[in-house]
Amino acid sequence: MTELATPLREVEMQGEPSGTALRSLVIVLTAFLTVVDLFATQAILPSLTRHYGVTPAAMGFAVNATTMGMAIASLVVGFLSSRIDRRRGILISLVLLAIPTTLLATAPDLTTFTILRIMQGLCMAAAFALTLAYLGEQCSAMDAGGAFAAYIAGNVASNLVGRLMSAAIADTFGLASNFYFFAALNLAGAALVYFTIRQVPPMHTTQALKLPFAAMAAHWREPRLRAAFIIGFCILFAFIGTFTFVNFVLVRPPLALGMMDIGLVYSVFAPSVATTLFAGKAAKRFGARSSIRAALGVAAIGLPLMLLPNLPAVVTGMVLVGVGTFFAQACATGFVGQAAQEARGIASGSYLASYFLGGLTGSAVLGRLFDQFGWPACLAGIAASLFAACLLAAKLTDAER
C-alpha cells in the first residue's frame, strides 16, 4: 500500500517505467470506480422491469436517468471549475455517490428509483469532470495523452466489468445486494483518490469568466463546436438505445438468455477497451471528420446483424456498435478540446451535457419505439442518429487545417 499511497503527480515525475505503470493503473482504477454505476444496471434491466412491474421503456428511462444528473453536473462543474479544489471535490462526490447507490437497494417505486439515479448522475459527473481537469493541469504535455488514454480505457472497462459484476451479484445474491456492492465500490474509489491524488490549488485561467452563460452561448454559435456538441448527443443516443433495449431481445425467444448469460455477453466491450486507445492517434493522422465518420460507419454495420435470430450475429453487432461509438466519442471529445480557443472548461461541460442529454433522450424516444413497434423500429431510430452524426461531421473539416 506504500507505493499506491505515492501522490499521482510524484509517481509521474519519477520517470521510471514502474512509476508510469503505477500512475496509469491508478488513473484506470479511478476512472473505473467513478462511472462503474452508470451502465452496470443495464445488465439487470429485465429483472428490474419484473420487480417494478413496468414496461421496458419506463424501466429503461429510469435506469438511464443518471444521464440527466450528469448533464446538469457537467455544466455546473464547467462553470465553477476554476474555483473548485480538485481533490476535495472528487472525494466528496464519490463519498456522496455511495448514498443514492445504497438507497437504490430499497427504492419502493419507480419514481424513487428514478430520482436516486439522477442523484447518482450528479455525483458521477462532478467526479468525472474534476478528474479530467486534474489530469489536464497536473500532467506534463508529453504525458497528458497517455493519462487521458488511460482514463478513457478505465471508463470503457467499467462498461464491461460493471455489467459482468452486476449480473453475477444480482443473479447470486439478489437485486438489493447488487446496489450495496456498488456503494462499496464508490467508497473504494474515494479511498483510492484520498491516497493517490495530492491536494493542489486549481489552476485559474487568465479569464475571469464572469459571464459563463455568455461563454457557453459563444461556443454554441461556433459552427464547429456546435456540430461537435450535437454529434456527442447523437452518439450516446445511439449507444443507450442499443445497449438498453438489446437486453430485452436477449432474454426473449429465440435467444432466451438468463441473467448471468447476459452479463457474459457484455464481454463485447473488451475490444472497445483496446481500440479506443488509438482514437487520438487516428484523429491526428486522418482528422476528426474522417475518424468519426469511419467509426460511426463501423457502428452502423453492426445494426442489421442484431436483427438476426442467432446469438453470434447479435453479439458481433454489439461489438461493432460498441467499438464504433466509443471510438467516435473519444475523437469528438478531443476535437472539442482543440477547437475551443477559450473557456475550455465550459466547452467541455457543454459537450458532456449535450452527450448525456442524448442518452436520456435516446432512452425515452427509442423506448417508446421499442414498446410500440418492436426492436426493428428501435434500430431504425439508432441508424437515423448515426446518420445525422455522420452528416454533422462535415462541419469539423475547418478545425483540422
Protein backbone atom coordinates (compact mmCIF):
# COMPACT_ATOMS: atom_id res chain seq x y z
CA MET A 1 0.00 0.00 0.00
CA THR A 2 3.01 2.29 0.38
CA GLU A 3 3.63 2.57 -3.36
CA LEU A 4 -0.01 3.26 -4.09
CA ALA A 5 -0.01 6.00 -1.47
CA THR A 6 2.54 7.95 -3.52
CA PRO A 7 0.77 11.04 -4.88
CA LEU A 8 -0.12 10.75 -8.55
CA ARG A 9 1.99 13.72 -9.59
CA GLU A 10 5.05 12.38 -7.76
CA VAL A 11 4.64 9.00 -9.41
CA GLU A 12 4.60 10.73 -12.78
CA MET A 13 7.77 12.66 -12.02
CA GLN A 14 9.77 9.55 -11.14
CA GLY A 15 10.30 8.99 -14.87
CA GLU A 16 10.67 5.23 -14.41
CA PRO A 17 8.63 2.57 -16.21
CA SER A 18 7.35 1.26 -12.89
CA GLY A 19 6.24 4.76 -11.90
CA THR A 20 4.48 5.31 -15.23
CA ALA A 21 2.77 1.92 -14.99
CA LEU A 22 1.61 2.68 -11.44
CA ARG A 23 0.27 6.06 -12.49
CA SER A 24 -1.63 4.52 -15.41
CA LEU A 25 -3.06 1.85 -13.13
CA VAL A 26 -4.24 4.47 -10.65
CA ILE A 27 -5.87 6.52 -13.43
CA VAL A 28 -7.62 3.46 -14.90
CA LEU A 29 -8.92 2.40 -11.48
CA THR A 30 -10.10 5.92 -10.65
CA ALA A 31 -11.98 6.16 -13.94
CA PHE A 32 -13.46 2.70 -13.44
CA LEU A 33 -14.67 3.38 -9.90
CA THR A 34 -16.09 6.79 -10.86
CA VAL A 35 -18.57 5.66 -13.52
CA VAL A 36 -18.99 1.93 -12.86
CA ASP A 37 -22.57 2.59 -11.66
CA LEU A 38 -23.57 4.33 -14.89
CA PHE A 39 -24.20 1.35 -17.17
CA ALA A 40 -23.84 -1.64 -14.82
CA THR A 41 -27.57 -1.57 -14.05
CA GLN A 42 -28.39 -2.16 -17.71
CA ALA A 43 -27.31 -5.78 -17.30
CA ILE A 44 -30.20 -6.38 -14.86
CA LEU A 45 -32.84 -4.37 -16.71
CA PRO A 46 -35.18 -7.32 -17.36
CA SER A 47 -35.09 -8.26 -13.65
CA LEU A 48 -35.76 -4.67 -12.60
CA THR A 49 -38.64 -4.47 -15.08
CA ARG A 50 -40.25 -7.52 -13.50
CA HIS A 51 -39.51 -6.27 -9.97
CA TYR A 52 -41.29 -2.94 -10.50
CA GLY A 53 -43.93 -4.32 -12.87
CA VAL A 54 -43.39 -1.69 -15.58
CA THR A 55 -42.73 -1.60 -19.33
CA PRO A 56 -39.23 -1.85 -20.82
CA ALA A 57 -39.45 1.79 -21.91
CA ALA A 58 -40.33 3.02 -18.40
CA MET A 59 -37.57 0.99 -16.77
CA GLY A 60 -35.06 1.96 -19.45
CA PHE A 61 -35.78 5.64 -18.86
CA ALA A 62 -35.47 5.23 -15.08
CA VAL A 63 -32.15 3.40 -15.30
CA ASN A 64 -30.74 5.95 -17.75
CA ALA A 65 -31.98 8.93 -15.72
CA THR A 66 -28.39 9.18 -14.45
CA THR A 67 -27.63 10.97 -17.70
CA MET A 68 -29.94 13.82 -16.64
CA GLY A 69 -27.92 14.36 -13.48
CA MET A 70 -24.68 14.03 -15.41
CA ALA A 71 -25.77 16.66 -17.94
CA ILE A 72 -26.62 19.14 -15.17
CA ALA A 73 -23.45 18.48 -13.18
CA SER A 74 -21.24 18.72 -16.28
CA LEU A 75 -22.44 22.26 -16.92
CA VAL A 76 -22.20 23.33 -13.27
CA VAL A 77 -18.68 21.97 -12.87
CA GLY A 78 -17.67 23.56 -16.16
CA PHE A 79 -18.87 26.95 -14.92
CA LEU A 80 -17.26 26.65 -11.47
CA SER A 81 -14.23 24.52 -12.30
CA SER A 82 -11.65 27.23 -11.66
CA ARG A 83 -12.94 27.70 -8.11
CA ILE A 84 -13.21 24.04 -7.03
CA ASP A 85 -10.42 22.20 -5.23
CA ARG A 86 -9.92 19.11 -7.42
CA ARG A 87 -9.04 16.55 -4.75
CA ARG A 88 -11.70 17.64 -2.29
CA GLY A 89 -14.35 17.84 -4.99
CA ILE A 90 -13.61 14.33 -6.29
CA LEU A 91 -13.55 12.89 -2.76
CA ILE A 92 -16.84 14.49 -1.74
CA SER A 93 -18.52 13.44 -4.98
CA LEU A 94 -17.54 9.77 -4.62
CA VAL A 95 -18.49 9.61 -0.94
CA LEU A 96 -21.87 11.20 -1.66
CA LEU A 97 -22.34 8.82 -4.61
CA ALA A 98 -22.47 5.90 -2.19
CA ILE A 99 -25.64 7.32 -0.57
CA PRO A 100 -28.11 7.11 -3.51
CA THR A 101 -26.45 3.87 -4.62
CA THR A 102 -27.23 2.32 -1.23
CA LEU A 103 -30.78 3.67 -1.19
CA LEU A 104 -31.49 2.11 -4.60
CA ALA A 105 -31.48 -1.28 -2.87
CA THR A 106 -34.71 -0.39 -1.09
CA ALA A 107 -36.34 2.04 -3.55
CA PRO A 108 -40.09 1.39 -3.08
CA ASP A 109 -41.27 2.54 -6.53
CA LEU A 110 -40.09 3.61 -9.95
CA THR A 111 -40.30 7.34 -9.17
CA THR A 112 -37.97 6.98 -6.19
CA PHE A 113 -35.66 4.79 -8.26
CA THR A 114 -35.51 7.45 -10.99
CA ILE A 115 -34.73 10.27 -8.55
CA LEU A 116 -31.93 8.26 -6.96
CA ARG A 117 -30.44 7.54 -10.39
CA ILE A 118 -30.44 11.27 -11.15
CA MET A 119 -28.62 11.88 -7.85
CA GLN A 120 -26.06 9.26 -8.85
CA GLY A 121 -25.51 11.10 -12.13
CA LEU A 122 -24.90 14.41 -10.35
CA CYS A 123 -22.15 12.85 -8.22
CA MET A 124 -20.58 10.80 -11.01
CA ALA A 125 -20.33 13.71 -13.44
CA ALA A 126 -18.80 16.00 -10.81
CA ALA A 127 -16.07 13.46 -10.03
CA PHE A 128 -15.61 12.69 -13.74
CA ALA A 129 -15.17 16.33 -14.81
CA LEU A 130 -12.91 17.26 -11.89
CA THR A 131 -10.64 14.26 -12.53
CA LEU A 132 -10.26 15.28 -16.17
CA ALA A 133 -9.41 18.83 -15.04
CA TYR A 134 -6.85 17.49 -12.57
CA LEU A 135 -5.15 15.35 -15.20
CA GLY A 136 -5.04 18.22 -17.66
CA GLU A 137 -3.43 20.52 -15.11
CA GLN A 138 -1.03 18.18 -13.34
CA CYS A 139 0.31 16.01 -16.18
CA SER A 140 3.02 17.33 -18.43
CA ALA A 141 2.21 17.95 -22.07
CA MET A 142 4.25 14.89 -23.02
CA ASP A 143 2.38 12.59 -20.64
CA ALA A 144 -1.11 14.08 -20.98
CA GLY A 145 -2.03 11.88 -23.96
CA GLY A 146 -1.20 8.71 -22.08
CA ALA A 147 -3.05 9.92 -18.99
CA PHE A 148 -6.24 10.71 -20.89
CA ALA A 149 -5.99 7.44 -22.82
CA ALA A 150 -5.74 5.56 -19.54
CA TYR A 151 -8.76 7.43 -18.19
CA ILE A 152 -10.83 6.65 -21.29
CA ALA A 153 -9.78 2.99 -21.08
CA GLY A 154 -10.95 2.88 -17.47
CA ASN A 155 -14.32 4.25 -18.48
CA VAL A 156 -14.71 1.71 -21.27
CA ALA A 157 -13.65 -1.08 -18.90
CA SER A 158 -16.38 -0.01 -16.47
CA ASN A 159 -18.95 -0.77 -19.17
CA LEU A 160 -17.64 -4.33 -19.44
CA VAL A 161 -16.71 -5.28 -15.88
CA GLY A 162 -19.54 -3.33 -14.27
CA ARG A 163 -22.16 -5.21 -16.25
CA LEU A 164 -20.50 -8.56 -15.53
CA MET A 165 -20.36 -7.86 -11.79
CA SER A 166 -23.92 -6.55 -11.68
CA ALA A 167 -25.34 -9.60 -13.43
CA ALA A 168 -23.33 -12.04 -11.31
CA ILE A 169 -24.18 -10.44 -7.97
CA ALA A 170 -27.87 -9.93 -8.74
CA ASP A 171 -28.18 -13.48 -10.04
CA THR A 172 -26.45 -14.96 -6.97
CA PHE A 173 -27.50 -12.70 -4.09
CA GLY A 174 -30.46 -10.69 -5.37
CA LEU A 175 -31.12 -7.16 -6.63
CA ALA A 176 -30.56 -5.38 -3.30
CA SER A 177 -27.11 -6.90 -2.82
CA ASN A 178 -26.13 -5.56 -6.22
CA PHE A 179 -26.60 -1.95 -5.12
CA TYR A 180 -24.89 -2.47 -1.76
CA PHE A 181 -21.87 -3.86 -3.60
CA PHE A 182 -21.63 -0.88 -5.92
CA ALA A 183 -21.96 1.52 -2.99
CA ALA A 184 -18.88 -0.18 -1.53
CA LEU A 185 -17.09 0.38 -4.85
CA ASN A 186 -17.96 4.09 -4.68
CA LEU A 187 -16.29 4.31 -1.27
CA ALA A 188 -13.32 2.35 -2.59
CA GLY A 189 -12.97 4.98 -5.30
CA ALA A 190 -12.95 7.73 -2.68
CA ALA A 191 -10.26 5.88 -0.73
CA LEU A 192 -8.15 5.49 -3.88
CA VAL A 193 -8.38 9.22 -4.57
CA TYR A 194 -7.51 10.03 -0.95
CA PHE A 195 -4.29 8.02 -1.09
CA THR A 196 -3.16 8.82 -4.65
CA ILE A 197 -4.17 12.38 -5.50
CA ARG A 198 -2.41 15.15 -3.64
CA GLN A 199 -4.09 18.43 -2.81
CA VAL A 200 -3.18 21.16 -5.28
CA PRO A 201 -4.81 24.53 -5.90
CA PRO A 202 -6.90 24.71 -9.09
CA MET A 203 -5.16 26.49 -11.93
CA HIS A 204 -7.07 29.70 -12.52
CA THR A 205 -7.34 30.79 -16.10
CA THR A 206 -6.47 34.28 -17.20
CA GLN A 207 -10.15 34.87 -17.90
CA ALA A 208 -12.43 35.72 -15.03
CA LEU A 209 -15.35 34.01 -16.76
CA LYS A 210 -17.78 36.38 -15.09
CA LEU A 211 -20.41 35.51 -17.67
CA PRO A 212 -20.26 31.72 -18.10
CA PHE A 213 -23.60 31.60 -19.91
CA ALA A 214 -22.28 34.11 -22.44
CA ALA A 215 -19.22 31.89 -22.96
CA MET A 216 -21.44 28.85 -23.45
CA ALA A 217 -23.61 30.74 -25.94
CA ALA A 218 -20.49 31.76 -27.85
CA HIS A 219 -19.43 28.12 -28.10
CA TRP A 220 -22.85 27.13 -29.43
CA ARG A 221 -22.65 29.89 -32.06
CA GLU A 222 -19.34 28.48 -33.33
CA PRO A 223 -20.36 26.05 -36.17
CA ARG A 224 -17.55 23.56 -35.48
CA LEU A 225 -18.24 23.31 -31.76
CA ARG A 226 -21.99 23.25 -32.24
CA ALA A 227 -21.61 20.33 -34.63
CA ALA A 228 -19.35 18.50 -32.16
CA PHE A 229 -21.85 19.01 -29.34
CA ILE A 230 -24.70 17.59 -31.41
CA ILE A 231 -22.51 14.70 -32.58
CA GLY A 232 -21.97 13.84 -28.91
CA PHE A 233 -25.76 13.92 -28.43
CA CYS A 234 -26.26 11.53 -31.35
CA ILE A 235 -23.51 9.14 -30.20
CA LEU A 236 -24.94 8.49 -26.74
CA PHE A 237 -28.48 8.49 -28.18
CA ALA A 238 -27.42 5.53 -30.32
CA PHE A 239 -25.33 3.84 -27.65
CA ILE A 240 -28.02 4.00 -24.95
CA GLY A 241 -30.70 2.84 -27.38
CA THR A 242 -28.64 -0.16 -28.41
CA PHE A 243 -27.38 -1.41 -25.06
CA THR A 244 -30.54 -0.68 -23.10
CA PHE A 245 -33.12 -2.43 -25.25
CA VAL A 246 -30.98 -5.23 -26.65
CA ASN A 247 -31.26 -6.72 -23.15
CA PHE A 248 -34.94 -7.46 -23.76
CA VAL A 249 -34.09 -9.07 -27.11
CA LEU A 250 -31.54 -11.30 -25.38
CA VAL A 251 -33.98 -12.61 -22.75
CA ARG A 252 -36.82 -13.30 -25.18
CA PRO A 253 -37.08 -16.27 -27.59
CA PRO A 254 -35.32 -17.37 -29.69
CA LEU A 255 -32.23 -16.31 -27.69
CA ALA A 256 -33.80 -16.63 -24.19
CA LEU A 257 -30.64 -15.94 -22.16
CA GLY A 258 -30.52 -15.96 -18.37
CA MET A 259 -29.27 -13.05 -16.27
CA MET A 260 -25.74 -14.39 -15.88
CA ASP A 261 -25.56 -15.19 -19.59
CA ILE A 262 -26.47 -11.58 -20.38
CA GLY A 263 -23.63 -10.42 -18.14
CA LEU A 264 -21.20 -12.61 -20.05
CA VAL A 265 -22.49 -11.29 -23.36
CA TYR A 266 -21.18 -7.88 -22.32
CA SER A 267 -17.68 -9.12 -22.94
CA VAL A 268 -18.46 -7.41 -26.25
CA PHE A 269 -16.89 -4.28 -24.74
CA ALA A 270 -13.46 -5.89 -24.44
CA PRO A 271 -12.39 -4.90 -27.99
CA SER A 272 -13.50 -1.30 -27.30
CA VAL A 273 -11.05 -1.05 -24.40
CA ALA A 274 -8.19 -1.62 -26.86
CA THR A 275 -9.46 0.26 -29.91
CA THR A 276 -10.44 3.43 -28.03
CA LEU A 277 -6.80 3.96 -27.03
CA PHE A 278 -5.96 4.60 -30.72
CA ALA A 279 -8.65 7.24 -31.28
CA GLY A 280 -6.32 10.14 -30.55
CA LYS A 281 -3.69 8.89 -32.99
CA ALA A 282 -6.31 8.27 -35.68
CA ALA A 283 -7.79 11.75 -35.31
CA LYS A 284 -4.32 13.29 -35.52
CA ARG A 285 -3.41 11.35 -38.64
CA PHE A 286 -6.70 11.29 -40.55
CA GLY A 287 -8.58 14.20 -38.96
CA ALA A 288 -11.60 14.22 -36.65
CA ARG A 289 -14.11 14.25 -39.50
CA SER A 290 -12.79 11.14 -41.24
CA SER A 291 -12.14 9.26 -38.00
CA ILE A 292 -15.62 9.92 -36.63
CA ARG A 293 -17.31 9.00 -39.90
CA ALA A 294 -15.35 5.76 -40.16
CA ALA A 295 -16.17 4.86 -36.56
CA LEU A 296 -19.87 5.57 -36.99
CA GLY A 297 -19.82 3.50 -40.18
CA VAL A 298 -18.48 0.56 -38.18
CA ALA A 299 -21.30 1.03 -35.67
CA ALA A 300 -23.91 1.18 -38.46
CA ILE A 301 -22.68 -2.12 -39.93
CA GLY A 302 -23.47 -3.78 -36.62
CA LEU A 303 -27.14 -2.74 -36.53
CA PRO A 304 -28.64 -5.18 -39.10
CA LEU A 305 -26.71 -8.05 -37.50
CA MET A 306 -28.72 -7.55 -34.32
CA LEU A 307 -31.92 -8.34 -36.23
CA LEU A 308 -30.81 -11.90 -36.95
CA PRO A 309 -32.26 -14.66 -34.73
CA ASN A 310 -28.94 -16.13 -33.58
CA LEU A 311 -26.61 -15.16 -30.76
CA PRO A 312 -23.27 -14.95 -32.67
CA ALA A 313 -24.74 -12.41 -35.09
CA VAL A 314 -26.25 -10.29 -32.32
CA VAL A 315 -23.02 -10.37 -30.32
CA THR A 316 -20.99 -9.36 -33.39
CA GLY A 317 -23.36 -6.47 -33.96
CA MET A 318 -22.96 -5.38 -30.34
CA VAL A 319 -19.16 -5.47 -30.69
CA LEU A 320 -19.27 -3.25 -33.78
CA VAL A 321 -21.65 -0.72 -32.20
CA GLY A 322 -19.51 -0.58 -29.05
CA VAL A 323 -16.23 -0.14 -30.92
CA GLY A 324 -17.67 2.47 -33.27
CA THR A 325 -19.46 4.64 -30.74
CA PHE A 326 -16.65 4.64 -28.16
CA PHE A 327 -14.09 5.49 -30.85
CA ALA A 328 -16.23 8.30 -32.23
CA GLN A 329 -16.85 9.70 -28.75
CA ALA A 330 -13.13 9.79 -27.99
CA CYS A 331 -12.44 11.62 -31.27
CA ALA A 332 -15.23 14.14 -30.65
CA THR A 333 -14.03 14.82 -27.11
CA GLY A 334 -10.51 15.52 -28.35
CA PHE A 335 -11.86 17.77 -31.10
CA VAL A 336 -13.73 19.96 -28.62
CA GLY A 337 -10.60 20.37 -26.51
CA GLN A 338 -8.64 21.54 -29.56
CA ALA A 339 -11.32 23.66 -31.23
CA ALA A 340 -12.29 25.70 -28.17
CA GLN A 341 -9.96 28.70 -28.12
CA GLU A 342 -11.15 30.00 -24.75
CA ALA A 343 -13.25 28.89 -21.77
CA ARG A 344 -12.34 25.28 -22.47
CA GLY A 345 -13.85 24.08 -19.21
CA ILE A 346 -17.23 25.43 -20.29
CA ALA A 347 -16.77 23.98 -23.79
CA SER A 348 -16.04 20.57 -22.28
CA GLY A 349 -19.00 20.90 -19.92
CA SER A 350 -21.27 21.85 -22.81
CA TYR A 351 -20.13 18.84 -24.80
CA LEU A 352 -20.68 16.46 -21.87
CA ALA A 353 -24.09 17.98 -21.14
CA SER A 354 -25.15 17.50 -24.75
CA TYR A 355 -23.69 13.99 -24.75
CA PHE A 356 -25.58 12.90 -21.64
CA LEU A 357 -28.81 14.57 -22.75
CA GLY A 358 -28.53 12.47 -25.88
CA GLY A 359 -28.51 9.37 -23.71
CA LEU A 360 -31.59 10.49 -21.79
CA THR A 361 -33.44 11.37 -24.99
CA GLY A 362 -32.42 8.10 -26.59
CA SER A 363 -33.80 6.06 -23.72
CA ALA A 364 -37.12 7.94 -23.89
CA VAL A 365 -37.63 8.08 -27.67
CA LEU A 366 -36.24 4.68 -28.54
CA GLY A 367 -38.01 3.11 -25.57
CA ARG A 368 -41.32 4.31 -26.98
CA LEU A 369 -40.42 2.90 -30.39
CA PHE A 370 -39.42 -0.40 -28.81
CA ASP A 371 -42.66 -0.71 -26.81
CA GLN A 372 -44.97 0.20 -29.68
CA PHE A 373 -43.22 -1.11 -32.79
CA GLY A 374 -40.53 -3.53 -31.62
CA TRP A 375 -36.79 -3.96 -31.97
CA PRO A 376 -36.55 -3.22 -35.75
CA ALA A 377 -38.11 0.23 -35.23
CA CYS A 378 -35.71 0.89 -32.35
CA LEU A 379 -32.75 0.00 -34.57
CA ALA A 380 -34.09 2.28 -37.29
CA GLY A 381 -34.06 5.17 -34.82
CA ILE A 382 -30.49 4.32 -33.85
CA ALA A 383 -29.45 4.25 -37.52
CA ALA A 384 -31.02 7.69 -38.05
CA SER A 385 -28.98 9.08 -35.16
CA LEU A 386 -25.71 7.65 -36.55
CA PHE A 387 -26.52 9.06 -40.00
CA ALA A 388 -27.18 12.52 -38.53
CA ALA A 389 -23.84 12.42 -36.72
CA CYS A 390 -22.07 11.50 -39.97
CA LEU A 391 -23.61 14.48 -41.74
CA LEU A 392 -22.65 16.84 -38.91
CA ALA A 393 -19.05 15.60 -39.02
CA ALA A 394 -18.61 17.60 -42.25
CA LYS A 395 -18.57 20.74 -40.08
CA LEU A 396 -15.38 19.56 -38.38
CA THR A 397 -13.25 19.97 -41.51
CA ASP A 398 -12.03 23.52 -40.91
CA ALA A 399 -10.65 22.73 -37.45
CA GLU A 400 -8.37 20.08 -38.93
CA ARG A 401 -6.43 22.52 -41.10
